[in-house]
């Protein structure tokens, strides 16, 4: 008789444990959470954004595990990096009290990166 996959027989507690390890051992998750902590002015704000992150992340994981939504990993990695960059830019804007130049600078940088990638795809390889 074939052995069952341990995840197939895992209960809710096991999935919660795995989810916590997933968040606490991921550098991208910790960077994002640190950014949220740095921009939170009050404990209430911090609880709100951390709860929102946790609920959103849990929903997307549930959709992926059940097979309802299977996004390509490269897009997920790019979006994670983008959100970390946006949180960082928000922190810099708050610290310098000049959020508009920081936002415009990040937007400009992202635009230049996108144009370079589009040009690289359009040009034939040597």
PDB file of N, CA and C in Angstrom:
ATOM      1  N   UNK A   1       0.849  -1.174   0.000  1.00  0.00           N
ATOM      2  CA  UNK A   1       0.000   0.000   0.000  1.00  0.00           C
ATOM      3  C   UNK A   1       0.896   1.239   0.000  1.00  0.00           C
ATOM      4  N   UNK A   2       0.643   2.213  -0.918  1.00  0.00           N
ATOM      5  CA  UNK A   2       1.481   3.406  -0.975  1.00  0.00           C
ATOM      6  C   UNK A   2       1.294   4.284   0.261  1.00  0.00           C
ATOM      7  N   UNK A   3       2.384   4.906   0.654  1.00  0.00           N
ATOM      8  CA  UNK A   3       2.365   5.786   1.823  1.00  0.00           C
ATOM      9  C   UNK A   3       1.726   7.119   1.467  1.00  0.00           C
ATOM     10  N   UNK A   4       0.844   7.622   2.306  1.00  0.00           N
ATOM     11  CA  UNK A   4       0.181   8.900   2.047  1.00  0.00           C
ATOM     12  C   UNK A   4       1.150  10.049   2.243  1.00  0.00           C
ATOM     13  N   UNK A   5       1.001  11.055   1.424  1.00  0.00           N
ATOM     14  CA  UNK A   5       1.773  12.282   1.582  1.00  0.00           C
ATOM     15  C   UNK A   5       1.406  12.893   2.938  1.00  0.00           C
ATOM     16  N   UNK A   6       2.397  13.358   3.686  1.00  0.00           N
ATOM     17  CA  UNK A   6       2.135  13.899   5.026  1.00  0.00           C
ATOM     18  C   UNK A   6       1.243  15.135   4.975  1.00  0.00           C
ATOM     19  N   UNK A   7       1.285  15.892   3.875  1.00  0.00           N
ATOM     20  CA  UNK A   7       0.417  17.070   3.771  1.00  0.00           C
ATOM     21  C   UNK A   7      -1.043  16.680   3.555  1.00  0.00           C
ATOM     22  N   UNK A   8      -1.279  15.549   2.914  1.00  0.00           N
ATOM     23  CA  UNK A   8      -2.657  15.120   2.676  1.00  0.00           C
ATOM     24  C   UNK A   8      -3.371  14.787   3.978  1.00  0.00           C
ATOM     25  N   UNK A   9      -2.620  14.331   4.963  1.00  0.00           N
ATOM     26  CA  UNK A   9      -3.243  13.969   6.229  1.00  0.00           C
ATOM     27  C   UNK A   9      -3.022  15.031   7.310  1.00  0.00           C
ATOM     28  N   UNK A  10      -2.398  16.156   6.952  1.00  0.00           N
ATOM     29  CA  UNK A  10      -2.111  17.201   7.936  1.00  0.00           C
ATOM     30  C   UNK A  10      -3.392  17.905   8.356  1.00  0.00           C
ATOM     31  N   UNK A  11      -3.444  18.240   9.622  1.00  0.00           N
ATOM     32  CA  UNK A  11      -4.591  18.961  10.148  1.00  0.00           C
ATOM     33  C   UNK A  11      -4.347  20.465  10.159  1.00  0.00           C
ATOM     34  N   UNK A  12      -5.302  21.201  10.665  1.00  0.00           N
ATOM     35  CA  UNK A  12      -5.237  22.657  10.701  1.00  0.00           C
ATOM     36  C   UNK A  12      -4.016  23.143  11.484  1.00  0.00           C
ATOM     37  N   UNK A  13      -3.724  22.517  12.616  1.00  0.00           N
ATOM     38  CA  UNK A  13      -2.597  22.948  13.440  1.00  0.00           C
ATOM     39  C   UNK A  13      -1.290  22.835  12.658  1.00  0.00           C
ATOM     40  N   UNK A  14      -1.131  21.750  11.915  1.00  0.00           N
ATOM     41  CA  UNK A  14       0.085  21.552  11.123  1.00  0.00           C
ATOM     42  C   UNK A  14       0.207  22.636  10.054  1.00  0.00           C
ATOM     43  N   UNK A  15      -0.894  22.987   9.398  1.00  0.00           N
ATOM     44  CA  UNK A  15      -0.854  24.028   8.373  1.00  0.00           C
ATOM     45  C   UNK A  15      -0.558  25.399   8.977  1.00  0.00           C
ATOM     46  N   UNK A  16      -1.098  25.677  10.158  1.00  0.00           N
ATOM     47  CA  UNK A  16      -0.797  26.938  10.830  1.00  0.00           C
ATOM     48  C   UNK A  16       0.685  26.989  11.190  1.00  0.00           C
ATOM     49  N   UNK A  17       1.208  25.895  11.695  1.00  0.00           N
ATOM     50  CA  UNK A  17       2.629  25.819  12.033  1.00  0.00           C
ATOM     51  C   UNK A  17       3.496  26.037  10.784  1.00  0.00           C
ATOM     52  N   UNK A  18       3.139  25.381   9.701  1.00  0.00           N
ATOM     53  CA  UNK A  18       3.892  25.542   8.455  1.00  0.00           C
ATOM     54  C   UNK A  18       3.800  26.979   7.936  1.00  0.00           C
ATOM     55  N   UNK A  19       2.637  27.589   8.068  1.00  0.00           N
ATOM     56  CA  UNK A  19       2.468  28.971   7.630  1.00  0.00           C
ATOM     57  C   UNK A  19       3.321  29.934   8.437  1.00  0.00           C
ATOM     58  N   UNK A  20       3.387  29.715   9.735  1.00  0.00           N
ATOM     59  CA  UNK A  20       4.218  30.578  10.573  1.00  0.00           C
ATOM     60  C   UNK A  20       5.693  30.424  10.212  1.00  0.00           C
ATOM     61  N   UNK A  21       6.137  29.203   9.983  1.00  0.00           N
ATOM     62  CA  UNK A  21       7.531  28.976   9.582  1.00  0.00           C
ATOM     63  C   UNK A  21       7.802  29.605   8.218  1.00  0.00           C
ATOM     64  N   UNK A  22       6.823  29.543   7.338  1.00  0.00           N
ATOM     65  CA  UNK A  22       6.963  30.148   6.009  1.00  0.00           C
ATOM     66  C   UNK A  22       7.195  31.651   6.128  1.00  0.00           C
ATOM     67  N   UNK A  23       6.448  32.304   6.967  1.00  0.00           N
ATOM     68  CA  UNK A  23       6.583  33.752   7.131  1.00  0.00           C
ATOM     69  C   UNK A  23       7.868  34.109   7.872  1.00  0.00           C
ATOM     70  N   UNK A  24       8.165  33.409   8.959  1.00  0.00           N
ATOM     71  CA  UNK A  24       9.306  33.784   9.790  1.00  0.00           C
ATOM     72  C   UNK A  24      10.661  33.384   9.220  1.00  0.00           C
ATOM     73  N   UNK A  25      10.692  32.477   8.262  1.00  0.00           N
ATOM     74  CA  UNK A  25      11.976  32.073   7.683  1.00  0.00           C
ATOM     75  C   UNK A  25      12.217  32.696   6.317  1.00  0.00           C
ATOM     76  N   UNK A  26      11.269  33.449   5.804  1.00  0.00           N
ATOM     77  CA  UNK A  26      11.430  34.083   4.496  1.00  0.00           C
ATOM     78  C   UNK A  26      11.992  35.488   4.638  1.00  0.00           C
ATOM     79  N   UNK A  27      13.149  35.735   4.038  1.00  0.00           N
ATOM     80  CA  UNK A  27      13.768  37.062   4.110  1.00  0.00           C
ATOM     81  C   UNK A  27      12.848  38.109   3.482  1.00  0.00           C
ATOM     82  N   UNK A  28      12.173  37.758   2.397  1.00  0.00           N
ATOM     83  CA  UNK A  28      11.272  38.713   1.757  1.00  0.00           C
ATOM     84  C   UNK A  28      10.111  39.074   2.674  1.00  0.00           C
ATOM     85  N   UNK A  29       9.564  38.099   3.370  1.00  0.00           N
ATOM     86  CA  UNK A  29       8.465  38.374   4.295  1.00  0.00           C
ATOM     87  C   UNK A  29       8.934  39.249   5.454  1.00  0.00           C
ATOM     88  N   UNK A  30      10.086  38.914   5.988  1.00  0.00           N
ATOM     89  CA  UNK A  30      10.594  39.682   7.124  1.00  0.00           C
ATOM     90  C   UNK A  30      10.945  41.110   6.708  1.00  0.00           C
ATOM     91  N   UNK A  31      11.483  41.297   5.502  1.00  0.00           N
ATOM     92  CA  UNK A  31      11.785  42.645   5.007  1.00  0.00           C
ATOM     93  C   UNK A  31      10.511  43.459   4.870  1.00  0.00           C
ATOM     94  N   UNK A  32       9.489  42.838   4.310  1.00  0.00           N
ATOM     95  CA  UNK A  32       8.210  43.521   4.143  1.00  0.00           C
ATOM     96  C   UNK A  32       7.607  43.885   5.495  1.00  0.00           C
ATOM     97  N   UNK A  33       7.628  42.925   6.427  1.00  0.00           N
ATOM     98  CA  UNK A  33       7.068  43.192   7.754  1.00  0.00           C
ATOM     99  C   UNK A  33       7.858  44.276   8.486  1.00  0.00           C
ATOM    100  N   UNK A  34       9.185  44.261   8.349  1.00  0.00           N
ATOM    101  CA  UNK A  34      10.003  45.307   8.966  1.00  0.00           C
ATOM    102  C   UNK A  34       9.637  46.672   8.395  1.00  0.00           C
ATOM    103  N   UNK A  35       9.437  46.727   7.084  1.00  0.00           N
ATOM    104  CA  UNK A  35       9.009  47.981   6.470  1.00  0.00           C
ATOM    105  C   UNK A  35       7.678  48.457   7.024  1.00  0.00           C
ATOM    106  N   UNK A  36       6.751  47.533   7.226  1.00  0.00           N
ATOM    107  CA  UNK A  36       5.453  47.898   7.797  1.00  0.00           C
ATOM    108  C   UNK A  36       5.603  48.405   9.223  1.00  0.00           C
ATOM    109  N   UNK A  37       6.476  47.776   9.985  1.00  0.00           N
ATOM    110  CA  UNK A  37       6.715  48.203  11.371  1.00  0.00           C
ATOM    111  C   UNK A  37       7.288  49.620  11.376  1.00  0.00           C
ATOM    112  N   UNK A  38       8.218  49.898  10.469  1.00  0.00           N
ATOM    113  CA  UNK A  38       8.870  51.209  10.448  1.00  0.00           C
ATOM    114  C   UNK A  38       7.929  52.347  10.067  1.00  0.00           C
ATOM    115  N   UNK A  39       6.917  52.066   9.236  1.00  0.00           N
ATOM    116  CA  UNK A  39       6.016  53.149   8.835  1.00  0.00           C
ATOM    117  C   UNK A  39       4.816  53.302   9.764  1.00  0.00           C
ATOM    118  N   UNK A  40       4.632  52.353  10.667  1.00  0.00           N
ATOM    119  CA  UNK A  40       3.486  52.428  11.568  1.00  0.00           C
ATOM    120  C   UNK A  40       3.761  53.425  12.682  1.00  0.00           C
ATOM    121  N   UNK A  41       2.877  54.365  12.818  1.00  0.00           N
ATOM    122  CA  UNK A  41       3.021  55.407  13.836  1.00  0.00           C
ATOM    123  C   UNK A  41       2.455  54.967  15.188  1.00  0.00           C
ATOM    124  N   UNK A  42       1.426  54.124  15.140  1.00  0.00           N
ATOM    125  CA  UNK A  42       0.774  53.679  16.370  1.00  0.00           C
ATOM    126  C   UNK A  42       0.653  52.154  16.352  1.00  0.00           C
ATOM    127  N   UNK A  43       0.496  51.568  17.506  1.00  0.00           N
ATOM    128  CA  UNK A  43       0.336  50.123  17.609  1.00  0.00           C
ATOM    129  C   UNK A  43      -0.918  49.685  16.851  1.00  0.00           C
ATOM    130  N   UNK A  44      -1.960  50.496  16.922  1.00  0.00           N
ATOM    131  CA  UNK A  44      -3.206  50.182  16.216  1.00  0.00           C
ATOM    132  C   UNK A  44      -2.962  50.089  14.710  1.00  0.00           C
ATOM    133  N   UNK A  45      -2.185  51.024  14.155  1.00  0.00           N
ATOM    134  CA  UNK A  45      -1.859  50.984  12.732  1.00  0.00           C
ATOM    135  C   UNK A  45      -1.056  49.738  12.390  1.00  0.00           C
ATOM    136  N   UNK A  46      -0.100  49.412  13.257  1.00  0.00           N
ATOM    137  CA  UNK A  46       0.727  48.232  13.039  1.00  0.00           C
ATOM    138  C   UNK A  46      -0.126  46.969  13.038  1.00  0.00           C
ATOM    139  N   UNK A  47      -1.005  46.828  14.004  1.00  0.00           N
ATOM    140  CA  UNK A  47      -1.883  45.663  14.055  1.00  0.00           C
ATOM    141  C   UNK A  47      -2.754  45.574  12.807  1.00  0.00           C
ATOM    142  N   UNK A  48      -3.223  46.706  12.329  1.00  0.00           N
ATOM    143  CA  UNK A  48      -4.062  46.744  11.132  1.00  0.00           C
ATOM    144  C   UNK A  48      -3.300  46.248   9.907  1.00  0.00           C
ATOM    145  N   UNK A  49      -2.087  46.764   9.677  1.00  0.00           N
ATOM    146  CA  UNK A  49      -1.358  46.375   8.469  1.00  0.00           C
ATOM    147  C   UNK A  49      -0.821  44.941   8.571  1.00  0.00           C
ATOM    148  N   UNK A  50      -0.387  44.530   9.741  1.00  0.00           N
ATOM    149  CA  UNK A  50       0.101  43.150   9.894  1.00  0.00           C
ATOM    150  C   UNK A  50      -1.056  42.169   9.718  1.00  0.00           C
ATOM    151  N   UNK A  51      -2.215  42.493  10.275  1.00  0.00           N
ATOM    152  CA  UNK A  51      -3.389  41.635  10.100  1.00  0.00           C
ATOM    153  C   UNK A  51      -3.798  41.580   8.638  1.00  0.00           C
ATOM    154  N   UNK A  52      -3.784  42.715   7.965  1.00  0.00           N
ATOM    155  CA  UNK A  52      -4.114  42.745   6.545  1.00  0.00           C
ATOM    156  C   UNK A  52      -3.154  41.906   5.719  1.00  0.00           C
ATOM    157  N   UNK A  53      -1.851  42.025   6.006  1.00  0.00           N
ATOM    158  CA  UNK A  53      -0.846  41.222   5.311  1.00  0.00           C
ATOM    159  C   UNK A  53      -1.091  39.741   5.552  1.00  0.00           C
ATOM    160  N   UNK A  54      -1.337  39.382   6.794  1.00  0.00           N
ATOM    161  CA  UNK A  54      -1.525  37.975   7.149  1.00  0.00           C
ATOM    162  C   UNK A  54      -2.766  37.402   6.470  1.00  0.00           C
ATOM    163  N   UNK A  55      -3.865  38.132   6.495  1.00  0.00           N
ATOM    164  CA  UNK A  55      -5.098  37.652   5.861  1.00  0.00           C
ATOM    165  C   UNK A  55      -4.901  37.536   4.343  1.00  0.00           C
ATOM    166  N   UNK A  56      -4.328  38.562   3.745  1.00  0.00           N
ATOM    167  CA  UNK A  56      -4.102  38.526   2.298  1.00  0.00           C
ATOM    168  C   UNK A  56      -3.186  37.392   1.886  1.00  0.00           C
ATOM    169  N   UNK A  57      -2.115  37.212   2.619  1.00  0.00           N
ATOM    170  CA  UNK A  57      -1.167  36.151   2.305  1.00  0.00           C
ATOM    171  C   UNK A  57      -1.804  34.782   2.519  1.00  0.00           C
ATOM    172  N   UNK A  58      -2.572  34.639   3.571  1.00  0.00           N
ATOM    173  CA  UNK A  58      -3.238  33.360   3.840  1.00  0.00           C
ATOM    174  C   UNK A  58      -4.239  33.021   2.747  1.00  0.00           C
ATOM    175  N   UNK A  59      -4.979  34.026   2.283  1.00  0.00           N
ATOM    176  CA  UNK A  59      -5.946  33.781   1.203  1.00  0.00           C
ATOM    177  C   UNK A  59      -5.250  33.370  -0.089  1.00  0.00           C
ATOM    178  N   UNK A  60      -4.177  34.051  -0.426  1.00  0.00           N
ATOM    179  CA  UNK A  60      -3.483  33.687  -1.666  1.00  0.00           C
ATOM    180  C   UNK A  60      -2.850  32.307  -1.556  1.00  0.00           C
ATOM    181  N   UNK A  61      -2.310  31.976  -0.380  1.00  0.00           N
ATOM    182  CA  UNK A  61      -1.776  30.629  -0.195  1.00  0.00           C
ATOM    183  C   UNK A  61      -2.880  29.577  -0.299  1.00  0.00           C
ATOM    184  N   UNK A  62      -4.033  29.860   0.280  1.00  0.00           N
ATOM    185  CA  UNK A  62      -5.147  28.910   0.209  1.00  0.00           C
ATOM    186  C   UNK A  62      -5.598  28.716  -1.238  1.00  0.00           C
ATOM    187  N   UNK A  63      -5.659  29.801  -2.008  1.00  0.00           N
ATOM    188  CA  UNK A  63      -6.040  29.690  -3.415  1.00  0.00           C
ATOM    189  C   UNK A  63      -5.022  28.877  -4.207  1.00  0.00           C
ATOM    190  N   UNK A  64      -3.746  29.053  -3.894  1.00  0.00           N
ATOM    191  CA  UNK A  64      -2.698  28.298  -4.593  1.00  0.00           C
ATOM    192  C   UNK A  64      -2.717  26.827  -4.197  1.00  0.00           C
ATOM    193  N   UNK A  65      -2.886  26.538  -2.908  1.00  0.00           N
ATOM    194  CA  UNK A  65      -2.872  25.149  -2.431  1.00  0.00           C
ATOM    195  C   UNK A  65      -4.067  24.374  -2.986  1.00  0.00           C
ATOM    196  N   UNK A  66      -5.213  25.014  -3.065  1.00  0.00           N
ATOM    197  CA  UNK A  66      -6.408  24.334  -3.577  1.00  0.00           C
ATOM    198  C   UNK A  66      -6.425  24.259  -5.100  1.00  0.00           C
ATOM    199  N   UNK A  67      -5.509  24.954  -5.751  1.00  0.00           N
ATOM    200  CA  UNK A  67      -5.450  24.902  -7.209  1.00  0.00           C
ATOM    201  C   UNK A  67      -6.375  25.871  -7.907  1.00  0.00           C
ATOM    202  N   UNK A  68      -7.063  26.700  -7.147  1.00  0.00           N
ATOM    203  CA  UNK A  68      -7.967  27.681  -7.743  1.00  0.00           C
ATOM    204  C   UNK A  68      -7.174  28.728  -8.513  1.00  0.00           C
ATOM    205  N   UNK A  69      -6.041  29.115  -7.980  1.00  0.00           N
ATOM    206  CA  UNK A  69      -5.190  30.127  -8.608  1.00  0.00           C
ATOM    207  C   UNK A  69      -3.755  29.630  -8.566  1.00  0.00           C
ATOM    208  N   UNK A  70      -3.112  29.538  -9.710  1.00  0.00           N
ATOM    209  CA  UNK A  70      -1.723  29.076  -9.802  1.00  0.00           C
ATOM    210  C   UNK A  70      -0.876  30.087 -10.566  1.00  0.00           C
ATOM    211  N   UNK A  71      -0.516  31.203  -9.926  1.00  0.00           N
ATOM    212  CA  UNK A  71       0.301  32.197 -10.623  1.00  0.00           C
ATOM    213  C   UNK A  71       1.724  31.693 -10.831  1.00  0.00           C
ATOM    214  N   UNK A  72       2.365  32.208 -11.860  1.00  0.00           N
ATOM    215  CA  UNK A  72       3.741  31.849 -12.160  1.00  0.00           C
ATOM    216  C   UNK A  72       4.652  32.446 -11.076  1.00  0.00           C
ATOM    217  N   UNK A  73       5.604  31.662 -10.598  1.00  0.00           N
ATOM    218  CA  UNK A  73       6.471  32.079  -9.486  1.00  0.00           C
ATOM    219  C   UNK A  73       7.268  33.328  -9.816  1.00  0.00           C
ATOM    220  N   UNK A  74       7.665  33.523 -11.078  1.00  0.00           N
ATOM    221  CA  UNK A  74       8.456  34.701 -11.417  1.00  0.00           C
ATOM    222  C   UNK A  74       7.658  35.983 -11.217  1.00  0.00           C
ATOM    223  N   UNK A  75       6.365  35.947 -11.444  1.00  0.00           N
ATOM    224  CA  UNK A  75       5.534  37.128 -11.220  1.00  0.00           C
ATOM    225  C   UNK A  75       5.367  37.399  -9.726  1.00  0.00           C
ATOM    226  N   UNK A  76       5.226  36.346  -8.964  1.00  0.00           N
ATOM    227  CA  UNK A  76       5.100  36.500  -7.510  1.00  0.00           C
ATOM    228  C   UNK A  76       6.379  37.099  -6.938  1.00  0.00           C
ATOM    229  N   UNK A  77       7.530  36.579  -7.352  1.00  0.00           N
ATOM    230  CA  UNK A  77       8.811  37.109  -6.871  1.00  0.00           C
ATOM    231  C   UNK A  77       8.968  38.577  -7.236  1.00  0.00           C
ATOM    232  N   UNK A  78       8.577  38.943  -8.446  1.00  0.00           N
ATOM    233  CA  UNK A  78       8.678  40.340  -8.881  1.00  0.00           C
ATOM    234  C   UNK A  78       7.751  41.236  -8.061  1.00  0.00           C
ATOM    235  N   UNK A  79       6.548  40.765  -7.787  1.00  0.00           N
ATOM    236  CA  UNK A  79       5.614  41.571  -6.993  1.00  0.00           C
ATOM    237  C   UNK A  79       6.073  41.710  -5.544  1.00  0.00           C
ATOM    238  N   UNK A  80       6.666  40.666  -4.999  1.00  0.00           N
ATOM    239  CA  UNK A  80       7.201  40.750  -3.629  1.00  0.00           C
ATOM    240  C   UNK A  80       8.304  41.802  -3.582  1.00  0.00           C
ATOM    241  N   UNK A  81       9.220  41.743  -4.557  1.00  0.00           N
ATOM    242  CA  UNK A  81      10.300  42.732  -4.610  1.00  0.00           C
ATOM    243  C   UNK A  81       9.750  44.139  -4.779  1.00  0.00           C
ATOM    244  N   UNK A  82       8.737  44.291  -5.617  1.00  0.00           N
ATOM    245  CA  UNK A  82       8.130  45.611  -5.826  1.00  0.00           C
ATOM    246  C   UNK A  82       7.507  46.138  -4.542  1.00  0.00           C
ATOM    247  N   UNK A  83       6.795  45.300  -3.809  1.00  0.00           N
ATOM    248  CA  UNK A  83       6.164  45.778  -2.579  1.00  0.00           C
ATOM    249  C   UNK A  83       7.208  46.170  -1.537  1.00  0.00           C
ATOM    250  N   UNK A  84       8.324  45.434  -1.481  1.00  0.00           N
ATOM    251  CA  UNK A  84       9.392  45.802  -0.552  1.00  0.00           C
ATOM    252  C   UNK A  84       9.985  47.142  -0.958  1.00  0.00           C
ATOM    253  N   UNK A  85      10.194  47.362  -2.260  1.00  0.00           N
ATOM    254  CA  UNK A  85      10.721  48.641  -2.741  1.00  0.00           C
ATOM    255  C   UNK A  85       9.742  49.780  -2.440  1.00  0.00           C
ATOM    256  N   UNK A  86       8.459  49.534  -2.606  1.00  0.00           N
ATOM    257  CA  UNK A  86       7.457  50.575  -2.323  1.00  0.00           C
ATOM    258  C   UNK A  86       7.416  50.923  -0.837  1.00  0.00           C
ATOM    259  N   UNK A  87       7.493  49.911   0.014  1.00  0.00           N
ATOM    260  CA  UNK A  87       7.521  50.164   1.462  1.00  0.00           C
ATOM    261  C   UNK A  87       8.773  50.957   1.823  1.00  0.00           C
ATOM    262  N   UNK A  88       9.914  50.575   1.239  1.00  0.00           N
ATOM    263  CA  UNK A  88      11.159  51.314   1.482  1.00  0.00           C
ATOM    264  C   UNK A  88      11.058  52.761   1.037  1.00  0.00           C
ATOM    265  N   UNK A  89      10.480  52.990  -0.144  1.00  0.00           N
ATOM    266  CA  UNK A  89      10.310  54.355  -0.644  1.00  0.00           C
ATOM    267  C   UNK A  89       9.384  55.154   0.268  1.00  0.00           C
ATOM    268  N   UNK A  90       8.334  54.506   0.755  1.00  0.00           N
ATOM    269  CA  UNK A  90       7.421  55.196   1.676  1.00  0.00           C
ATOM    270  C   UNK A  90       8.152  55.580   2.957  1.00  0.00           C
ATOM    271  N   UNK A  91       8.989  54.687   3.465  1.00  0.00           N
ATOM    272  CA  UNK A  91       9.762  54.994   4.674  1.00  0.00           C
ATOM    273  C   UNK A  91      10.707  56.171   4.431  1.00  0.00           C
ATOM    274  N   UNK A  92      11.384  56.178   3.295  1.00  0.00           N
ATOM    275  CA  UNK A  92      12.301  57.283   2.969  1.00  0.00           C
ATOM    276  C   UNK A  92      11.523  58.583   2.819  1.00  0.00           C
ATOM    277  N   UNK A  93      10.392  58.527   2.129  1.00  0.00           N
ATOM    278  CA  UNK A  93       9.560  59.719   1.963  1.00  0.00           C
ATOM    279  C   UNK A  93       9.075  60.278   3.286  1.00  0.00           C
ATOM    280  N   UNK A  94       8.678  59.395   4.194  1.00  0.00           N
ATOM    281  CA  UNK A  94       8.233  59.836   5.521  1.00  0.00           C
ATOM    282  C   UNK A  94       9.389  60.436   6.322  1.00  0.00           C
ATOM    283  N   UNK A  95      10.548  59.786   6.248  1.00  0.00           N
ATOM    284  CA  UNK A  95      11.701  60.250   7.027  1.00  0.00           C
ATOM    285  C   UNK A  95      12.218  61.595   6.538  1.00  0.00           C
ATOM    286  N   UNK A  96      12.167  61.823   5.234  1.00  0.00           N
ATOM    287  CA  UNK A  96      12.688  63.075   4.667  1.00  0.00           C
ATOM    288  C   UNK A  96      11.618  64.159   4.576  1.00  0.00           C
ATOM    289  N   UNK A  97      10.378  63.787   4.828  1.00  0.00           N
ATOM    290  CA  UNK A  97       9.234  64.705   4.708  1.00  0.00           C
ATOM    291  C   UNK A  97       9.078  65.227   3.279  1.00  0.00           C
ATOM    292  N   UNK A  98       9.578  64.453   2.305  1.00  0.00           N
ATOM    293  CA  UNK A  98       9.436  64.787   0.886  1.00  0.00           C
ATOM    294  C   UNK A  98       8.990  63.546   0.123  1.00  0.00           C
ATOM    295  N   UNK A  99       7.741  63.109   0.337  1.00  0.00           N
ATOM    296  CA  UNK A  99       7.318  61.861  -0.301  1.00  0.00           C
ATOM    297  C   UNK A  99       7.184  61.953  -1.821  1.00  0.00           C
ATOM    298  N   UNK A 100       6.820  63.113  -2.350  1.00  0.00           N
ATOM    299  CA  UNK A 100       6.617  63.220  -3.795  1.00  0.00           C
ATOM    300  C   UNK A 100       7.901  62.981  -4.588  1.00  0.00           C
ATOM    301  N   UNK A 101       9.026  63.635  -4.264  1.00  0.00           N
ATOM    302  CA  UNK A 101      10.247  63.337  -5.026  1.00  0.00           C
ATOM    303  C   UNK A 101      10.685  61.875  -4.917  1.00  0.00           C
ATOM    304  N   UNK A 102      10.486  61.273  -3.751  1.00  0.00           N
ATOM    305  CA  UNK A 102      10.855  59.865  -3.581  1.00  0.00           C
ATOM    306  C   UNK A 102       9.963  58.990  -4.456  1.00  0.00           C
ATOM    307  N   UNK A 103       8.665  59.259  -4.450  1.00  0.00           N
ATOM    308  CA  UNK A 103       7.735  58.481  -5.270  1.00  0.00           C
ATOM    309  C   UNK A 103       8.038  58.660  -6.756  1.00  0.00           C
ATOM    310  N   UNK A 104       8.297  59.886  -7.166  1.00  0.00           N
ATOM    311  CA  UNK A 104       8.627  60.136  -8.571  1.00  0.00           C
ATOM    312  C   UNK A 104       9.947  59.469  -8.959  1.00  0.00           C
ATOM    313  N   UNK A 105      10.921  59.502  -8.056  1.00  0.00           N
ATOM    314  CA  UNK A 105      12.206  58.853  -8.327  1.00  0.00           C
ATOM    315  C   UNK A 105      12.052  57.350  -8.491  1.00  0.00           C
ATOM    316  N   UNK A 106      11.290  56.717  -7.590  1.00  0.00           N
ATOM    317  CA  UNK A 106      11.075  55.277  -7.699  1.00  0.00           C
ATOM    318  C   UNK A 106      10.273  54.951  -8.956  1.00  0.00           C
ATOM    319  N   UNK A 107       9.255  55.744  -9.228  1.00  0.00           N
ATOM    320  CA  UNK A 107       8.475  55.526 -10.446  1.00  0.00           C
ATOM    321  C   UNK A 107       9.328  55.664 -11.699  1.00  0.00           C
ATOM    322  N   UNK A 108      10.193  56.665 -11.712  1.00  0.00           N
ATOM    323  CA  UNK A 108      11.099  56.854 -12.848  1.00  0.00           C
ATOM    324  C   UNK A 108      12.061  55.691 -13.005  1.00  0.00           C
ATOM    325  N   UNK A 109      12.592  55.222 -11.896  1.00  0.00           N
ATOM    326  CA  UNK A 109      13.511  54.087 -11.934  1.00  0.00           C
ATOM    327  C   UNK A 109      12.820  52.835 -12.469  1.00  0.00           C
ATOM    328  N   UNK A 110      11.617  52.583 -11.998  1.00  0.00           N
ATOM    329  CA  UNK A 110      10.864  51.426 -12.480  1.00  0.00           C
ATOM    330  C   UNK A 110      10.546  51.557 -13.971  1.00  0.00           C
ATOM    331  N   UNK A 111      10.230  52.765 -14.407  1.00  0.00           N
ATOM    332  CA  UNK A 111       9.943  52.995 -15.828  1.00  0.00           C
ATOM    333  C   UNK A 111      11.179  52.724 -16.686  1.00  0.00           C
ATOM    334  N   UNK A 112      12.331  53.229 -16.253  1.00  0.00           N
ATOM    335  CA  UNK A 112      13.580  53.007 -16.999  1.00  0.00           C
ATOM    336  C   UNK A 112      13.898  51.513 -17.066  1.00  0.00           C
ATOM    337  N   UNK A 113      13.725  50.813 -15.952  1.00  0.00           N
ATOM    338  CA  UNK A 113      13.992  49.374 -15.936  1.00  0.00           C
ATOM    339  C   UNK A 113      13.057  48.636 -16.897  1.00  0.00           C
ATOM    340  N   UNK A 114      11.800  49.037 -16.937  1.00  0.00           N
ATOM    341  CA  UNK A 114      10.836  48.398 -17.834  1.00  0.00           C
ATOM    342  C   UNK A 114      11.199  48.667 -19.283  1.00  0.00           C
ATOM    343  N   UNK A 115      11.601  49.889 -19.592  1.00  0.00           N
ATOM    344  CA  UNK A 115      11.972  50.236 -20.978  1.00  0.00           C
ATOM    345  C   UNK A 115      13.210  49.455 -21.409  1.00  0.00           C
ATOM    346  N   UNK A 116      14.176  49.319 -20.533  1.00  0.00           N
ATOM    347  CA  UNK A 116      15.380  48.553 -20.871  1.00  0.00           C
ATOM    348  C   UNK A 116      15.047  47.094 -21.132  1.00  0.00           C
ATOM    349  N   UNK A 117      14.169  46.557 -20.346  1.00  0.00           N
ATOM    350  CA  UNK A 117      13.775  45.161 -20.559  1.00  0.00           C
ATOM    351  C   UNK A 117      13.024  45.008 -21.879  1.00  0.00           C
ATOM    352  N   UNK A 118      12.143  45.947 -22.172  1.00  0.00           N
ATOM    353  CA  UNK A 118      11.400  45.886 -23.433  1.00  0.00           C
ATOM    354  C   UNK A 118      12.344  46.007 -24.630  1.00  0.00           C
ATOM    355  N   UNK A 119      13.342  46.873 -24.526  1.00  0.00           N
ATOM    356  CA  UNK A 119      14.311  47.021 -25.614  1.00  0.00           C
ATOM    357  C   UNK A 119      15.162  45.766 -25.762  1.00  0.00           C
ATOM    358  N   UNK A 120      15.530  45.155 -24.647  1.00  0.00           N
ATOM    359  CA  UNK A 120      16.339  43.932 -24.708  1.00  0.00           C
ATOM    360  C   UNK A 120      15.553  42.793 -25.366  1.00  0.00           C
ATOM    361  N   UNK A 121      14.259  42.725 -25.109  1.00  0.00           N
ATOM    362  CA  UNK A 121      13.442  41.691 -25.738  1.00  0.00           C
ATOM    363  C   UNK A 121      13.243  41.954 -27.223  1.00  0.00           C
ATOM    364  N   UNK A 122      13.180  43.241 -27.611  1.00  0.00           N
ATOM    365  CA  UNK A 122      12.931  43.590 -29.003  1.00  0.00           C
ATOM    366  C   UNK A 122      14.166  43.421 -29.883  1.00  0.00           C
ATOM    367  N   UNK A 123      15.345  43.580 -29.300  1.00  0.00           N
ATOM    368  CA  UNK A 123      16.574  43.478 -30.100  1.00  0.00           C
ATOM    369  C   UNK A 123      16.953  42.014 -30.293  1.00  0.00           C
ATOM    370  N   UNK A 124      17.404  41.677 -31.519  1.00  0.00           N
ATOM    371  CA  UNK A 124      17.790  40.275 -31.770  1.00  0.00           C
ATOM    372  C   UNK A 124      19.083  39.947 -31.043  1.00  0.00           C
ATOM    373  N   UNK A 125      19.191  38.708 -30.625  1.00  0.00           N
ATOM    374  CA  UNK A 125      20.395  38.231 -29.937  1.00  0.00           C
ATOM    375  C   UNK A 125      21.529  38.072 -30.950  1.00  0.00           C
ATOM    376  N   UNK A 126      22.770  38.424 -30.582  1.00  0.00           N
ATOM    377  CA  UNK A 126      23.899  38.298 -31.524  1.00  0.00           C
ATOM    378  C   UNK A 126      24.263  36.848 -31.773  1.00  0.00           C
TER     379      UNK A 126
END
